[in-house]
C-alpha atoms as a PDB file:
ATOM      1  CA  UNK A   1     -16.551  12.368   2.973  1.00  0.00           C
ATOM      2  CA  UNK A   2     -13.074  11.134   3.109  1.00  0.00           C
ATOM      3  CA  UNK A   3      -9.763  12.184   2.081  1.00  0.00           C
ATOM      4  CA  UNK A   4      -8.705  11.430  -1.416  1.00  0.00           C
ATOM      5  CA  UNK A   5      -5.503   9.958  -2.010  1.00  0.00           C
ATOM      6  CA  UNK A   6      -3.026  11.221  -4.279  1.00  0.00           C
ATOM      7  CA  UNK A   7      -2.560   9.598  -7.676  1.00  0.00           C
ATOM      8  CA  UNK A   8       1.281   8.721  -7.146  1.00  0.00           C
ATOM      9  CA  UNK A   9       0.156   7.024  -4.033  1.00  0.00           C
ATOM     10  CA  UNK A  10      -2.548   4.785  -5.776  1.00  0.00           C
ATOM     11  CA  UNK A  11      -0.250   4.197  -8.554  1.00  0.00           C
ATOM     12  CA  UNK A  12       2.690   3.091  -6.290  1.00  0.00           C
ATOM     13  CA  UNK A  13       0.799   0.844  -3.983  1.00  0.00           C
ATOM     14  CA  UNK A  14      -0.894  -0.800  -7.150  1.00  0.00           C
ATOM     15  CA  UNK A  15       2.393  -1.384  -8.943  1.00  0.00           C
ATOM     16  CA  UNK A  16       4.242  -2.918  -5.838  1.00  0.00           C
ATOM     17  CA  UNK A  17       1.033  -4.860  -4.797  1.00  0.00           C
ATOM     18  CA  UNK A  18       0.921  -6.469  -8.677  1.00  0.00           C
ATOM     19  CA  UNK A  19       4.567  -7.481  -8.464  1.00  0.00           C
ATOM     20  CA  UNK A  20       4.022  -9.154  -4.941  1.00  0.00           C
ATOM     21  CA  UNK A  21       0.538  -9.831  -4.030  1.00  0.00           C
ATOM     22  CA  UNK A  22       1.682 -12.787  -1.497  1.00  0.00           C
ATOM     23  CA  UNK A  23       3.501 -10.244   0.746  1.00  0.00           C
ATOM     24  CA  UNK A  24       0.734  -7.907   1.665  1.00  0.00           C
ATOM     25  CA  UNK A  25      -2.443  -8.435   3.564  1.00  0.00           C
ATOM     26  CA  UNK A  26      -4.968  -6.601   5.425  1.00  0.00           C
ATOM     27  CA  UNK A  27      -2.603  -5.997   8.262  1.00  0.00           C
ATOM     28  CA  UNK A  28      -1.334  -2.409   8.257  1.00  0.00           C
ATOM     29  CA  UNK A  29       2.035  -3.287  10.063  1.00  0.00           C
ATOM     30  CA  UNK A  30       2.743  -6.079   7.865  1.00  0.00           C
ATOM     31  CA  UNK A  31       2.270  -4.127   4.847  1.00  0.00           C
ATOM     32  CA  UNK A  32       4.277  -1.193   6.137  1.00  0.00           C
ATOM     33  CA  UNK A  33       7.341  -3.279   7.018  1.00  0.00           C
ATOM     34  CA  UNK A  34       7.219  -4.987   3.352  1.00  0.00           C
ATOM     35  CA  UNK A  35       7.217  -1.473   1.742  1.00  0.00           C
ATOM     36  CA  UNK A  36      10.185  -0.237   3.939  1.00  0.00           C
ATOM     37  CA  UNK A  37      11.975  -3.622   2.935  1.00  0.00           C
ATOM     38  CA  UNK A  38      11.664  -2.736  -0.780  1.00  0.00           C
ATOM     39  CA  UNK A  39      12.959   0.829  -0.305  1.00  0.00           C
ATOM     40  CA  UNK A  40      10.419   2.044  -2.522  1.00  0.00           C
ATOM     41  CA  UNK A  41       9.406   5.197  -0.736  1.00  0.00           C
ATOM     42  CA  UNK A  42      11.923   7.430   1.717  1.00  0.00           C
ATOM     43  CA  UNK A  43       9.177   9.172   3.410  1.00  0.00           C
ATOM     44  CA  UNK A  44       7.474   7.576   6.227  1.00  0.00           C
ATOM     45  CA  UNK A  45       3.909   9.626   5.769  1.00  0.00           C
ATOM     46  CA  UNK A  46       3.859   8.537   2.133  1.00  0.00           C
ATOM     47  CA  UNK A  47       4.925   4.641   2.990  1.00  0.00           C
ATOM     48  CA  UNK A  48       2.142   4.822   5.579  1.00  0.00           C
ATOM     49  CA  UNK A  49      -0.544   6.071   3.140  1.00  0.00           C
ATOM     50  CA  UNK A  50       0.520   3.319   0.604  1.00  0.00           C
ATOM     51  CA  UNK A  51       0.386   0.679   3.228  1.00  0.00           C
ATOM     52  CA  UNK A  52      -3.241   1.965   4.061  1.00  0.00           C
ATOM     53  CA  UNK A  53      -4.345   2.032   0.370  1.00  0.00           C
ATOM     54  CA  UNK A  54      -2.945  -1.483  -0.087  1.00  0.00           C
ATOM     55  CA  UNK A  55      -5.679  -2.633   2.629  1.00  0.00           C
ATOM     56  CA  UNK A  56      -8.319  -1.173   0.481  1.00  0.00           C
ATOM     57  CA  UNK A  57      -6.955  -2.888  -2.579  1.00  0.00           C
ATOM     58  CA  UNK A  58      -6.849  -6.173  -1.262  1.00  0.00           C
ATOM     59  CA  UNK A  59     -10.475  -5.738   0.520  1.00  0.00           C
ATOM     60  CA  UNK A  60     -11.671  -4.755  -2.786  1.00  0.00           C
ATOM     61  CA  UNK A  61     -10.267  -7.753  -4.651  1.00  0.00           C
ATOM     62  CA  UNK A  62     -11.766 -10.275  -2.146  1.00  0.00           C
ATOM     63  CA  UNK A  63     -15.306  -9.329  -3.483  1.00  0.00           C
END
């Protein structure tokens, strides 16, 4: 079983992705930099979790 992400991470990542879907891809480092550029999150660990969750969102949208 995997770790479960907090709801605020999921909601925040979805909200950011819906506003700018072209800026994000399945590349973790690119997503991390894009989130940091928007100054949405101050915490490094939360930013990284959101960037990782965006990869999951993008992969699910492809199918």
